């Protein structure tokens, strides 16, 4: 009897090992560091949604020296998170990225200004110093300035661009009249540093008609020719969206899961819970559900980028830059 039990246990171990090895590996490259901006993916991993989908997912944090298009082009990831302006610019430069799901429906990007600078509307930007993120994040700003007819070279009648680090020091130290912020992150860093909402005036890209799509999932176009890859990505998208749905309905728990995955220890509970609350607002909307790329939103992004004639982000309308095939398969459509 003991021998039979031992054999049965051994068979069970073999079955478990076989099941584990059968899981399809997926490497996801984040656009930035571990934070609630990416909560849905960490929740999907923590809650076993990826495992249930037969996936073994590795989530790679980003940072100031990490460019997702370069990572995936070099074979360091199967799928990356990127903003569409960056992805489309990369595509035109020879890295054929394709959007397979658009998680964020709305843009969280803003220009936050000090009221004591005297700025009361975008018409007051002329002659001002504005903090701008680069590394692919400058494209929406440049398009906005082009729409306003403001040169960005510091010449008379234009604006002076301060290459902003990934902090808000320029506005705190009055080195810039305005700085780039996200609704869910840097704006609150300014508040936590001592300025109040009454000290600030914000201009959301959404309200200025120059919002572009952020935080979409992108893969290399050539991989979509492989049915097995498409099937794997459909499971990944389905599990990820399940994670996002859970995260937006369980904000505090989702933030806590992010904190558990923050190996740097730099994040705080207060900031991450607040961030997750703001992120949840960006997921709202859409005609067919979470992760569906609205063609109209894509067209608006492309038109905004093409409108910047002086420093073009892209020079022509892209073709084949997105597909609904993976999302539809993930949604069972």
C-alpha atoms as a PDB file:
ATOM      1  CA  UNK A   1       0.000   0.000   0.000  1.00  0.00           C
ATOM      2  CA  UNK A   2       2.858   2.376   0.916  1.00  0.00           C
ATOM      3  CA  UNK A   3       4.441   1.649  -2.462  1.00  0.00           C
ATOM      4  CA  UNK A   4       1.185   2.432  -4.285  1.00  0.00           C
ATOM      5  CA  UNK A   5       0.829   5.692  -2.385  1.00  0.00           C
ATOM      6  CA  UNK A   6       4.413   6.578  -3.236  1.00  0.00           C
ATOM      7  CA  UNK A   7       3.830   5.830  -6.904  1.00  0.00           C
ATOM      8  CA  UNK A   8       0.642   7.883  -6.897  1.00  0.00           C
ATOM      9  CA  UNK A   9       2.411  10.804  -5.232  1.00  0.00           C
ATOM     10  CA  UNK A  10       5.208  10.561  -7.754  1.00  0.00           C
ATOM     11  CA  UNK A  11       2.721  10.567 -10.612  1.00  0.00           C
ATOM     12  CA  UNK A  12       1.080  13.634  -9.089  1.00  0.00           C
ATOM     13  CA  UNK A  13       4.401  15.423  -8.915  1.00  0.00           C
ATOM     14  CA  UNK A  14       5.119  14.553 -12.525  1.00  0.00           C
ATOM     15  CA  UNK A  15       1.674  15.820 -13.551  1.00  0.00           C
ATOM     16  CA  UNK A  16       2.224  19.060 -11.662  1.00  0.00           C
ATOM     17  CA  UNK A  17       5.657  19.516 -13.192  1.00  0.00           C
ATOM     18  CA  UNK A  18       4.277  18.766 -16.621  1.00  0.00           C
ATOM     19  CA  UNK A  19       1.496  21.319 -16.169  1.00  0.00           C
ATOM     20  CA  UNK A  20       3.949  23.978 -14.990  1.00  0.00           C
ATOM     21  CA  UNK A  21       6.287  23.417 -17.906  1.00  0.00           C
ATOM     22  CA  UNK A  22       3.353  23.613 -20.296  1.00  0.00           C
ATOM     23  CA  UNK A  23       2.628  27.220 -19.296  1.00  0.00           C
ATOM     24  CA  UNK A  24       3.419  29.631 -22.135  1.00  0.00           C
ATOM     25  CA  UNK A  25       5.993  32.225 -21.190  1.00  0.00           C
ATOM     26  CA  UNK A  26       5.217  35.898 -21.773  1.00  0.00           C
ATOM     27  CA  UNK A  27       7.490  38.825 -20.955  1.00  0.00           C
ATOM     28  CA  UNK A  28       5.805  42.193 -20.463  1.00  0.00           C
ATOM     29  CA  UNK A  29       7.879  45.387 -20.463  1.00  0.00           C
ATOM     30  CA  UNK A  30       6.350  48.252 -18.483  1.00  0.00           C
ATOM     31  CA  UNK A  31       6.720  51.838 -19.619  1.00  0.00           C
ATOM     32  CA  UNK A  32       7.783  53.035 -16.186  1.00  0.00           C
ATOM     33  CA  UNK A  33       8.628  51.831 -12.696  1.00  0.00           C
ATOM     34  CA  UNK A  34       6.408  49.555 -10.637  1.00  0.00           C
ATOM     35  CA  UNK A  35       3.404  51.645  -9.610  1.00  0.00           C
ATOM     36  CA  UNK A  36      -0.398  51.632  -9.742  1.00  0.00           C
ATOM     37  CA  UNK A  37      -0.261  52.808 -13.353  1.00  0.00           C
ATOM     38  CA  UNK A  38       0.277  49.114 -14.107  1.00  0.00           C
ATOM     39  CA  UNK A  39      -1.828  47.636 -11.309  1.00  0.00           C
ATOM     40  CA  UNK A  40      -3.953  45.444 -13.561  1.00  0.00           C
ATOM     41  CA  UNK A  41      -0.980  43.343 -14.612  1.00  0.00           C
ATOM     42  CA  UNK A  42       0.286  42.830 -11.069  1.00  0.00           C
ATOM     43  CA  UNK A  43      -3.240  41.958  -9.923  1.00  0.00           C
ATOM     44  CA  UNK A  44      -3.592  39.438 -12.759  1.00  0.00           C
ATOM     45  CA  UNK A  45      -0.372  37.830 -11.622  1.00  0.00           C
ATOM     46  CA  UNK A  46      -1.181  37.954  -7.903  1.00  0.00           C
ATOM     47  CA  UNK A  47      -4.707  36.580  -8.292  1.00  0.00           C
ATOM     48  CA  UNK A  48      -3.586  33.747 -10.558  1.00  0.00           C
ATOM     49  CA  UNK A  49      -5.409  35.020 -13.638  1.00  0.00           C
ATOM     50  CA  UNK A  50      -2.321  34.478 -15.790  1.00  0.00           C
ATOM     51  CA  UNK A  51      -1.742  31.042 -14.324  1.00  0.00           C
ATOM     52  CA  UNK A  52      -5.372  30.097 -14.977  1.00  0.00           C
ATOM     53  CA  UNK A  53      -4.841  31.172 -18.588  1.00  0.00           C
ATOM     54  CA  UNK A  54      -1.862  28.838 -18.909  1.00  0.00           C
ATOM     55  CA  UNK A  55       0.670  31.651 -18.842  1.00  0.00           C
ATOM     56  CA  UNK A  56       3.926  32.218 -17.031  1.00  0.00           C
ATOM     57  CA  UNK A  57       4.252  36.007 -17.132  1.00  0.00           C
ATOM     58  CA  UNK A  58       7.372  38.003 -16.295  1.00  0.00           C
ATOM     59  CA  UNK A  59       6.744  41.695 -15.643  1.00  0.00           C
ATOM     60  CA  UNK A  60       9.797  43.878 -16.233  1.00  0.00           C
ATOM     61  CA  UNK A  61       9.761  47.340 -14.612  1.00  0.00           C
ATOM     62  CA  UNK A  62      10.755  50.308 -16.723  1.00  0.00           C
ATOM     63  CA  UNK A  63      12.606  53.460 -15.796  1.00  0.00           C
ATOM     64  CA  UNK A  64      14.224  56.610 -17.196  1.00  0.00           C
ATOM     65  CA  UNK A  65      16.746  54.570 -19.184  1.00  0.00           C
ATOM     66  CA  UNK A  66      14.260  52.008 -20.529  1.00  0.00           C
ATOM     67  CA  UNK A  67      12.578  52.552 -23.911  1.00  0.00           C
ATOM     68  CA  UNK A  68       9.926  49.852 -24.503  1.00  0.00           C
ATOM     69  CA  UNK A  69      10.223  49.992 -28.324  1.00  0.00           C
ATOM     70  CA  UNK A  70      13.948  49.326 -28.067  1.00  0.00           C
ATOM     71  CA  UNK A  71      13.411  46.492 -25.613  1.00  0.00           C
ATOM     72  CA  UNK A  72      10.927  44.650 -27.818  1.00  0.00           C
ATOM     73  CA  UNK A  73      12.942  45.333 -30.981  1.00  0.00           C
ATOM     74  CA  UNK A  74      15.912  43.712 -29.273  1.00  0.00           C
ATOM     75  CA  UNK A  75      13.908  40.637 -28.294  1.00  0.00           C
ATOM     76  CA  UNK A  76      13.707  41.549 -24.605  1.00  0.00           C
ATOM     77  CA  UNK A  77       9.919  41.361 -24.407  1.00  0.00           C
ATOM     78  CA  UNK A  78       6.925  39.796 -26.149  1.00  0.00           C
ATOM     79  CA  UNK A  79       4.628  42.731 -25.433  1.00  0.00           C
ATOM     80  CA  UNK A  80       5.233  46.267 -24.189  1.00  0.00           C
ATOM     81  CA  UNK A  81       3.236  49.120 -22.725  1.00  0.00           C
ATOM     82  CA  UNK A  82       3.736  52.403 -24.528  1.00  0.00           C
ATOM     83  CA  UNK A  83       2.010  55.649 -25.401  1.00  0.00           C
ATOM     84  CA  UNK A  84       0.688  55.708 -28.942  1.00  0.00           C
ATOM     85  CA  UNK A  85       2.709  58.764 -30.100  1.00  0.00           C
ATOM     86  CA  UNK A  86       5.905  56.961 -29.132  1.00  0.00           C
ATOM     87  CA  UNK A  87       4.729  53.702 -30.695  1.00  0.00           C
ATOM     88  CA  UNK A  88       3.737  55.356 -33.970  1.00  0.00           C
ATOM     89  CA  UNK A  89       6.986  57.323 -34.126  1.00  0.00           C
ATOM     90  CA  UNK A  90       8.902  54.089 -33.558  1.00  0.00           C
ATOM     91  CA  UNK A  91       6.882  52.367 -36.256  1.00  0.00           C
ATOM     92  CA  UNK A  92       7.747  55.059 -38.784  1.00  0.00           C
ATOM     93  CA  UNK A  93      11.419  54.700 -37.828  1.00  0.00           C
ATOM     94  CA  UNK A  94      11.408  50.971 -38.539  1.00  0.00           C
ATOM     95  CA  UNK A  95      10.170  49.261 -35.368  1.00  0.00           C
ATOM     96  CA  UNK A  96       6.809  47.845 -36.565  1.00  0.00           C
ATOM     97  CA  UNK A  97       4.762  48.008 -33.369  1.00  0.00           C
ATOM     98  CA  UNK A  98       1.071  47.094 -33.477  1.00  0.00           C
ATOM     99  CA  UNK A  99      -1.503  48.003 -30.849  1.00  0.00           C
ATOM    100  CA  UNK A 100      -3.411  44.868 -29.747  1.00  0.00           C
ATOM    101  CA  UNK A 101      -5.357  46.442 -26.861  1.00  0.00           C
ATOM    102  CA  UNK A 102      -5.926  49.960 -25.563  1.00  0.00           C
ATOM    103  CA  UNK A 103      -6.290  49.783 -21.790  1.00  0.00           C
ATOM    104  CA  UNK A 104      -6.419  53.519 -20.992  1.00  0.00           C
ATOM    105  CA  UNK A 105      -9.414  55.155 -22.637  1.00  0.00           C
ATOM    106  CA  UNK A 106      -8.504  58.670 -21.493  1.00  0.00           C
ATOM    107  CA  UNK A 107      -5.292  60.664 -21.268  1.00  0.00           C
ATOM    108  CA  UNK A 108      -3.929  61.548 -17.840  1.00  0.00           C
ATOM    109  CA  UNK A 109      -1.469  64.110 -19.138  1.00  0.00           C
ATOM    110  CA  UNK A 110      -1.590  67.726 -17.963  1.00  0.00           C
ATOM    111  CA  UNK A 111       0.458  70.893 -17.897  1.00  0.00           C
ATOM    112  CA  UNK A 112       0.393  72.199 -14.338  1.00  0.00           C
ATOM    113  CA  UNK A 113       1.206  75.878 -13.761  1.00  0.00           C
ATOM    114  CA  UNK A 114       1.724  78.116 -10.761  1.00  0.00           C
ATOM    115  CA  UNK A 115      -1.003  80.729 -10.458  1.00  0.00           C
ATOM    116  CA  UNK A 116       1.550  83.247  -9.205  1.00  0.00           C
ATOM    117  CA  UNK A 117       3.210  83.023 -12.641  1.00  0.00           C
ATOM    118  CA  UNK A 118       0.277  85.030 -13.994  1.00  0.00           C
ATOM    119  CA  UNK A 119      -0.798  82.341 -16.448  1.00  0.00           C
ATOM    120  CA  UNK A 120      -4.575  82.225 -16.736  1.00  0.00           C
ATOM    121  CA  UNK A 121      -4.992  80.447 -20.094  1.00  0.00           C
ATOM    122  CA  UNK A 122      -2.884  78.817 -22.831  1.00  0.00           C
ATOM    123  CA  UNK A 123      -2.747  82.238 -24.482  1.00  0.00           C
ATOM    124  CA  UNK A 124      -0.382  83.247 -21.679  1.00  0.00           C
ATOM    125  CA  UNK A 125       2.202  80.552 -22.496  1.00  0.00           C
ATOM    126  CA  UNK A 126       4.034  82.878 -24.890  1.00  0.00           C
ATOM    127  CA  UNK A 127       7.422  83.818 -23.468  1.00  0.00           C
ATOM    128  CA  UNK A 128       7.140  81.304 -20.657  1.00  0.00           C
ATOM    129  CA  UNK A 129       9.347  78.409 -19.592  1.00  0.00           C
ATOM    130  CA  UNK A 130       7.535  75.085 -19.691  1.00  0.00           C
ATOM    131  CA  UNK A 131       8.824  71.796 -18.326  1.00  0.00           C
ATOM    132  CA  UNK A 132       8.558  68.923 -20.789  1.00  0.00           C
ATOM    133  CA  UNK A 133       9.364  65.220 -20.573  1.00  0.00           C
ATOM    134  CA  UNK A 134      11.309  63.738 -23.460  1.00  0.00           C
ATOM    135  CA  UNK A 135      12.174  60.159 -24.471  1.00  0.00           C
ATOM    136  CA  UNK A 136       8.983  59.925 -26.542  1.00  0.00           C
ATOM    137  CA  UNK A 137       6.771  61.731 -24.047  1.00  0.00           C
ATOM    138  CA  UNK A 138       7.278  65.139 -25.649  1.00  0.00           C
ATOM    139  CA  UNK A 139       5.183  64.418 -28.746  1.00  0.00           C
ATOM    140  CA  UNK A 140       1.763  65.444 -27.361  1.00  0.00           C
ATOM    141  CA  UNK A 141       3.265  68.672 -26.007  1.00  0.00           C
ATOM    142  CA  UNK A 142       4.884  69.569 -29.318  1.00  0.00           C
ATOM    143  CA  UNK A 143       1.614  68.937 -31.128  1.00  0.00           C
ATOM    144  CA  UNK A 144      -0.226  71.188 -28.684  1.00  0.00           C
ATOM    145  CA  UNK A 145       2.255  74.021 -29.110  1.00  0.00           C
ATOM    146  CA  UNK A 146       1.966  73.672 -32.894  1.00  0.00           C
ATOM    147  CA  UNK A 147      -1.803  73.972 -32.577  1.00  0.00           C
ATOM    148  CA  UNK A 148      -1.317  77.153 -30.533  1.00  0.00           C
ATOM    149  CA  UNK A 149       1.185  78.482 -33.084  1.00  0.00           C
ATOM    150  CA  UNK A 150       3.948  78.715 -30.502  1.00  0.00           C
ATOM    151  CA  UNK A 151       7.543  77.889 -31.521  1.00  0.00           C
ATOM    152  CA  UNK A 152       9.362  75.730 -28.989  1.00  0.00           C
ATOM    153  CA  UNK A 153      12.886  76.937 -29.715  1.00  0.00           C
ATOM    154  CA  UNK A 154      12.910  79.773 -27.196  1.00  0.00           C
ATOM    155  CA  UNK A 155      12.558  82.425 -29.886  1.00  0.00           C
ATOM    156  CA  UNK A 156      10.468  85.583 -29.525  1.00  0.00           C
ATOM    157  CA  UNK A 157       6.783  84.795 -29.574  1.00  0.00           C
ATOM    158  CA  UNK A 158       7.332  81.191 -28.524  1.00  0.00           C
ATOM    159  CA  UNK A 159       8.058  79.188 -25.410  1.00  0.00           C
ATOM    160  CA  UNK A 160      11.253  78.016 -23.782  1.00  0.00           C
ATOM    161  CA  UNK A 161      11.285  74.274 -23.211  1.00  0.00           C
ATOM    162  CA  UNK A 162      12.969  73.045 -20.063  1.00  0.00           C
ATOM    163  CA  UNK A 163      13.927  69.408 -20.406  1.00  0.00           C
ATOM    164  CA  UNK A 164      12.180  68.128 -17.329  1.00  0.00           C
ATOM    165  CA  UNK A 165      13.485  65.239 -15.320  1.00  0.00           C
ATOM    166  CA  UNK A 166      11.000  62.785 -13.897  1.00  0.00           C
ATOM    167  CA  UNK A 167      10.275  65.005 -10.915  1.00  0.00           C
ATOM    168  CA  UNK A 168       8.520  68.305 -10.233  1.00  0.00           C
ATOM    169  CA  UNK A 169      11.459  70.307  -8.903  1.00  0.00           C
ATOM    170  CA  UNK A 170      11.312  72.973 -11.670  1.00  0.00           C
ATOM    171  CA  UNK A 171       7.890  74.238 -10.556  1.00  0.00           C
ATOM    172  CA  UNK A 172       8.737  74.029  -6.863  1.00  0.00           C
ATOM    173  CA  UNK A 173      11.950  75.993  -7.387  1.00  0.00           C
ATOM    174  CA  UNK A 174      10.310  78.375  -9.890  1.00  0.00           C
ATOM    175  CA  UNK A 175      12.662  77.333 -12.666  1.00  0.00           C
ATOM    176  CA  UNK A 176       9.605  76.808 -14.865  1.00  0.00           C
ATOM    177  CA  UNK A 177       6.179  78.418 -14.944  1.00  0.00           C
ATOM    178  CA  UNK A 178       4.543  75.076 -15.749  1.00  0.00           C
ATOM    179  CA  UNK A 179       5.599  71.438 -15.729  1.00  0.00           C
ATOM    180  CA  UNK A 180       4.349  68.221 -17.229  1.00  0.00           C
ATOM    181  CA  UNK A 181       2.300  66.119 -14.821  1.00  0.00           C
ATOM    182  CA  UNK A 182      -0.021  63.143 -14.862  1.00  0.00           C
ATOM    183  CA  UNK A 183      -3.378  63.276 -13.106  1.00  0.00           C
ATOM    184  CA  UNK A 184      -2.361  60.220 -11.114  1.00  0.00           C
ATOM    185  CA  UNK A 185       1.234  60.976 -10.218  1.00  0.00           C
ATOM    186  CA  UNK A 186       3.289  64.163 -10.498  1.00  0.00           C
ATOM    187  CA  UNK A 187       0.378  66.522  -9.773  1.00  0.00           C
ATOM    188  CA  UNK A 188       0.099  64.926  -6.343  1.00  0.00           C
ATOM    189  CA  UNK A 189       3.845  65.149  -5.837  1.00  0.00           C
ATOM    190  CA  UNK A 190       3.457  68.922  -6.152  1.00  0.00           C
ATOM    191  CA  UNK A 191       0.641  68.868  -3.606  1.00  0.00           C
ATOM    192  CA  UNK A 192       2.647  66.692  -1.233  1.00  0.00           C
ATOM    193  CA  UNK A 193       5.582  69.107  -1.572  1.00  0.00           C
ATOM    194  CA  UNK A 194       3.510  71.912  -0.044  1.00  0.00           C
ATOM    195  CA  UNK A 195       1.643  73.736  -2.797  1.00  0.00           C
ATOM    196  CA  UNK A 196      -2.148  73.548  -2.707  1.00  0.00           C
ATOM    197  CA  UNK A 197      -4.708  73.093  -5.466  1.00  0.00           C
ATOM    198  CA  UNK A 198      -5.506  76.801  -5.078  1.00  0.00           C
ATOM    199  CA  UNK A 199      -1.874  77.619  -5.897  1.00  0.00           C
ATOM    200  CA  UNK A 200      -2.114  75.798  -9.219  1.00  0.00           C
ATOM    201  CA  UNK A 201      -3.934  75.861 -12.523  1.00  0.00           C
ATOM    202  CA  UNK A 202      -4.010  72.751 -14.666  1.00  0.00           C
ATOM    203  CA  UNK A 203      -4.546  72.232 -18.385  1.00  0.00           C
ATOM    204  CA  UNK A 204      -5.578  68.709 -19.258  1.00  0.00           C
ATOM    205  CA  UNK A 205      -4.656  67.563 -22.739  1.00  0.00           C
ATOM    206  CA  UNK A 206      -8.116  65.980 -22.943  1.00  0.00           C
ATOM    207  CA  UNK A 207      -9.721  69.423 -22.491  1.00  0.00           C
ATOM    208  CA  UNK A 208      -7.376  71.108 -24.981  1.00  0.00           C
ATOM    209  CA  UNK A 209      -8.327  68.803 -27.852  1.00  0.00           C
ATOM    210  CA  UNK A 210      -4.827  67.365 -28.201  1.00  0.00           C
ATOM    211  CA  UNK A 211      -5.164  64.215 -26.116  1.00  0.00           C
ATOM    212  CA  UNK A 212      -3.355  61.195 -27.491  1.00  0.00           C
ATOM    213  CA  UNK A 213      -3.707  57.587 -26.403  1.00  0.00           C
ATOM    214  CA  UNK A 214      -1.564  56.318 -23.552  1.00  0.00           C
ATOM    215  CA  UNK A 215      -0.736  52.914 -22.053  1.00  0.00           C
ATOM    216  CA  UNK A 216      -1.669  50.548 -24.848  1.00  0.00           C
ATOM    217  CA  UNK A 217      -0.320  47.030 -25.365  1.00  0.00           C
ATOM    218  CA  UNK A 218       1.996  46.626 -28.368  1.00  0.00           C
ATOM    219  CA  UNK A 219       3.642  43.678 -30.091  1.00  0.00           C
ATOM    220  CA  UNK A 220       5.872  43.303 -33.140  1.00  0.00           C
ATOM    221  CA  UNK A 221       3.871  43.066 -36.353  1.00  0.00           C
ATOM    222  CA  UNK A 222       5.688  39.993 -37.693  1.00  0.00           C
ATOM    223  CA  UNK A 223       4.619  37.948 -34.661  1.00  0.00           C
ATOM    224  CA  UNK A 224       0.966  38.435 -35.513  1.00  0.00           C
ATOM    225  CA  UNK A 225       1.476  36.181 -38.543  1.00  0.00           C
ATOM    226  CA  UNK A 226       1.867  33.281 -36.113  1.00  0.00           C
ATOM    227  CA  UNK A 227      -1.565  31.907 -35.012  1.00  0.00           C
ATOM    228  CA  UNK A 228       0.007  30.431 -31.873  1.00  0.00           C
ATOM    229  CA  UNK A 229       1.329  33.845 -30.858  1.00  0.00           C
ATOM    230  CA  UNK A 230      -2.035  35.485 -31.477  1.00  0.00           C
ATOM    231  CA  UNK A 231      -3.736  32.814 -29.380  1.00  0.00           C
ATOM    232  CA  UNK A 232      -1.206  33.291 -26.564  1.00  0.00           C
ATOM    233  CA  UNK A 233      -1.619  37.044 -26.660  1.00  0.00           C
ATOM    234  CA  UNK A 234      -5.403  36.706 -26.583  1.00  0.00           C
ATOM    235  CA  UNK A 235      -5.093  34.766 -23.325  1.00  0.00           C
ATOM    236  CA  UNK A 236      -2.677  37.364 -22.009  1.00  0.00           C
ATOM    237  CA  UNK A 237      -5.009  40.233 -22.888  1.00  0.00           C
ATOM    238  CA  UNK A 238      -8.045  38.472 -21.423  1.00  0.00           C
ATOM    239  CA  UNK A 239      -6.253  37.771 -18.127  1.00  0.00           C
ATOM    240  CA  UNK A 240      -4.792  41.292 -18.007  1.00  0.00           C
ATOM    241  CA  UNK A 241      -8.195  42.907 -18.530  1.00  0.00           C
ATOM    242  CA  UNK A 242      -9.598  40.682 -15.796  1.00  0.00           C
ATOM    243  CA  UNK A 243      -6.837  42.033 -13.583  1.00  0.00           C
ATOM    244  CA  UNK A 244      -7.718  45.600 -14.525  1.00  0.00           C
ATOM    245  CA  UNK A 245     -11.404  45.040 -13.883  1.00  0.00           C
ATOM    246  CA  UNK A 246     -10.563  43.700 -10.429  1.00  0.00           C
ATOM    247  CA  UNK A 247      -8.159  46.571  -9.753  1.00  0.00           C
ATOM    248  CA  UNK A 248     -10.623  49.348 -10.553  1.00  0.00           C
ATOM    249  CA  UNK A 249     -13.236  47.734  -8.331  1.00  0.00           C
ATOM    250  CA  UNK A 250     -10.804  47.058  -5.473  1.00  0.00           C
ATOM    251  CA  UNK A 251      -8.616  50.141  -5.459  1.00  0.00           C
ATOM    252  CA  UNK A 252      -6.898  49.756  -2.106  1.00  0.00           C
ATOM    253  CA  UNK A 253      -6.198  46.055  -2.507  1.00  0.00           C
ATOM    254  CA  UNK A 254      -4.794  46.653  -5.993  1.00  0.00           C
ATOM    255  CA  UNK A 255      -2.493  49.368  -4.662  1.00  0.00           C
ATOM    256  CA  UNK A 256      -1.325  47.048  -1.904  1.00  0.00           C
ATOM    257  CA  UNK A 257      -0.501  44.356  -4.478  1.00  0.00           C
ATOM    258  CA  UNK A 258       1.585  46.910  -6.390  1.00  0.00           C
ATOM    259  CA  UNK A 259       3.456  47.778  -3.203  1.00  0.00           C
ATOM    260  CA  UNK A 260       4.226  44.094  -2.623  1.00  0.00           C
ATOM    261  CA  UNK A 261       5.857  44.004  -6.060  1.00  0.00           C
ATOM    262  CA  UNK A 262       7.873  47.208  -5.629  1.00  0.00           C
ATOM    263  CA  UNK A 263      11.374  45.903  -5.056  1.00  0.00           C
ATOM    264  CA  UNK A 264      12.774  49.417  -4.654  1.00  0.00           C
ATOM    265  CA  UNK A 265      10.665  50.225  -1.615  1.00  0.00           C
ATOM    266  CA  UNK A 266      10.297  53.750  -2.971  1.00  0.00           C
ATOM    267  CA  UNK A 267       6.503  53.782  -3.212  1.00  0.00           C
ATOM    268  CA  UNK A 268       4.145  54.631  -0.357  1.00  0.00           C
ATOM    269  CA  UNK A 269       0.707  53.346   0.493  1.00  0.00           C
ATOM    270  CA  UNK A 270      -0.824  56.833   0.424  1.00  0.00           C
ATOM    271  CA  UNK A 271       0.556  57.665  -3.001  1.00  0.00           C
ATOM    272  CA  UNK A 272      -0.240  54.305  -4.601  1.00  0.00           C
ATOM    273  CA  UNK A 273      -3.808  54.166  -3.321  1.00  0.00           C
ATOM    274  CA  UNK A 274      -4.405  57.703  -4.531  1.00  0.00           C
ATOM    275  CA  UNK A 275      -2.791  56.840  -7.862  1.00  0.00           C
ATOM    276  CA  UNK A 276      -4.981  53.781  -8.297  1.00  0.00           C
ATOM    277  CA  UNK A 277      -8.094  55.880  -7.652  1.00  0.00           C
ATOM    278  CA  UNK A 278      -7.049  58.269 -10.431  1.00  0.00           C
ATOM    279  CA  UNK A 279      -6.034  55.457 -12.791  1.00  0.00           C
ATOM    280  CA  UNK A 280      -9.508  53.926 -12.446  1.00  0.00           C
ATOM    281  CA  UNK A 281     -10.968  57.094 -13.997  1.00  0.00           C
ATOM    282  CA  UNK A 282      -8.839  56.645 -17.126  1.00  0.00           C
ATOM    283  CA  UNK A 283     -10.305  53.183 -17.739  1.00  0.00           C
ATOM    284  CA  UNK A 284     -13.865  54.445 -18.048  1.00  0.00           C
ATOM    285  CA  UNK A 285     -15.758  54.795 -21.312  1.00  0.00           C
ATOM    286  CA  UNK A 286     -15.646  52.957 -24.592  1.00  0.00           C
ATOM    287  CA  UNK A 287     -18.350  51.361 -26.694  1.00  0.00           C
ATOM    288  CA  UNK A 288     -17.341  47.708 -26.481  1.00  0.00           C
ATOM    289  CA  UNK A 289     -15.538  47.319 -23.198  1.00  0.00           C
ATOM    290  CA  UNK A 290     -12.192  47.574 -21.495  1.00  0.00           C
ATOM    291  CA  UNK A 291      -9.200  47.297 -23.789  1.00  0.00           C
ATOM    292  CA  UNK A 292     -11.067  47.979 -27.031  1.00  0.00           C
ATOM    293  CA  UNK A 293      -9.267  50.483 -29.240  1.00  0.00           C
ATOM    294  CA  UNK A 294     -11.830  52.972 -30.518  1.00  0.00           C
ATOM    295  CA  UNK A 295     -10.955  53.747 -34.157  1.00  0.00           C
ATOM    296  CA  UNK A 296     -12.069  57.346 -33.597  1.00  0.00           C
ATOM    297  CA  UNK A 297      -9.594  57.743 -30.726  1.00  0.00           C
ATOM    298  CA  UNK A 298      -6.844  56.316 -32.893  1.00  0.00           C
ATOM    299  CA  UNK A 299      -7.714  58.728 -35.722  1.00  0.00           C
ATOM    300  CA  UNK A 300      -7.715  61.675 -33.307  1.00  0.00           C
ATOM    301  CA  UNK A 301      -4.259  60.693 -32.061  1.00  0.00           C
ATOM    302  CA  UNK A 302      -2.899  60.401 -35.597  1.00  0.00           C
ATOM    303  CA  UNK A 303      -4.459  63.715 -36.667  1.00  0.00           C
ATOM    304  CA  UNK A 304      -3.004  65.449 -33.610  1.00  0.00           C
ATOM    305  CA  UNK A 305       0.465  64.135 -34.391  1.00  0.00           C
ATOM    306  CA  UNK A 306       0.251  65.031 -38.085  1.00  0.00           C
ATOM    307  CA  UNK A 307      -0.852  68.569 -37.230  1.00  0.00           C
ATOM    308  CA  UNK A 308       2.610  69.349 -35.893  1.00  0.00           C
ATOM    309  CA  UNK A 309       4.175  70.404 -39.195  1.00  0.00           C
ATOM    310  CA  UNK A 310       7.221  72.180 -37.746  1.00  0.00           C
ATOM    311  CA  UNK A 311       8.571  69.225 -35.755  1.00  0.00           C
ATOM    312  CA  UNK A 312       6.594  66.261 -37.063  1.00  0.00           C
ATOM    313  CA  UNK A 313       6.160  63.239 -34.851  1.00  0.00           C
ATOM    314  CA  UNK A 314       5.044  61.225 -37.857  1.00  0.00           C
ATOM    315  CA  UNK A 315       5.026  62.377 -41.462  1.00  0.00           C
ATOM    316  CA  UNK A 316       2.187  60.249 -42.843  1.00  0.00           C
ATOM    317  CA  UNK A 317      -0.783  58.241 -41.684  1.00  0.00           C
ATOM    318  CA  UNK A 318       0.394  54.832 -40.513  1.00  0.00           C
ATOM    319  CA  UNK A 319      -1.029  51.635 -41.940  1.00  0.00           C
ATOM    320  CA  UNK A 320      -1.425  48.408 -39.999  1.00  0.00           C
ATOM    321  CA  UNK A 321      -0.579  50.060 -36.679  1.00  0.00           C
ATOM    322  CA  UNK A 322      -3.423  48.406 -34.777  1.00  0.00           C
ATOM    323  CA  UNK A 323      -5.593  45.314 -34.840  1.00  0.00           C
ATOM    324  CA  UNK A 324      -8.757  44.169 -33.081  1.00  0.00           C
ATOM    325  CA  UNK A 325      -7.991  40.519 -33.777  1.00  0.00           C
ATOM    326  CA  UNK A 326      -6.359  39.798 -30.416  1.00  0.00           C
ATOM    327  CA  UNK A 327      -8.918  41.759 -28.390  1.00  0.00           C
ATOM    328  CA  UNK A 328     -11.817  40.058 -30.178  1.00  0.00           C
ATOM    329  CA  UNK A 329     -10.335  36.642 -29.544  1.00  0.00           C
ATOM    330  CA  UNK A 330      -9.731  37.571 -25.909  1.00  0.00           C
ATOM    331  CA  UNK A 331     -13.342  38.744 -25.595  1.00  0.00           C
ATOM    332  CA  UNK A 332     -14.746  35.651 -27.291  1.00  0.00           C
ATOM    333  CA  UNK A 333     -16.175  37.696 -30.161  1.00  0.00           C
END
